[in-house]
Amino acid sequence: MKNLSAKLGRALLSLPPAAYLLLFFALPTLMMLLASFRYPGDYGGLAPWYYLDDGALSFDLTTENWARLFESTIYLSLLIKSLGFALLTTAICAVMAYPLALTIARSPKKYRDLLLLLVILPFWSNFLVRIYAWMIIFSPQGALTVALNTLLESVGLPTVNLMFSSTAVITCLV
């Protein structure tokens, strides 16, 4: 009886996170998958569903969007590039996060909350503010770009433009 109670308690404890994941991750993913099979609208967005004369709702679904993805080299190359960025970002975040998590877990109890707060604190700022900050840092007149290009010129290498580069994209994603 005690073992059954413990299992029931664990199941009930995992219910809120599971509901959160279903509501905010699985459901939007399914909605996007469904949208990928719909026709585009006349003025952007998706074509509306409409009722037939017999009152039934018409779901005009198509595979044209998926066919266009695999027929066009530009869409396929963008998909592959996006997946590469996602994999690289995930790998970099994992390599950076595990030692940090281990350090926080092994730190004395009196410092643990402060360290966790320092990790969470950047997420409190607006996403757009962070992106604009990175744009200032990576701009051609930014201190990082100027210093890097001065260093490259001093050793005889060509200068680089960090703005809108793959390095900038990965850095901002991480």
Foldseek 3Di string as FASTA:
>chain_A
DVVVVVVVVVVVVCVVVVVVCCVPPVVVVVVVVLLLFFPAPPVGDGPDWDADPVRDIDGRGHCVSVVCCVVDPVNVVVVVVVVVLVVVLVVVCVVVPPVLVVCLVPDDPVCNVVSVCVVCVVVVDDLVVLLVVLCQCQQCPHPNQVVQQVVCVVVPHHGDRRPPDSVSVSVSSD
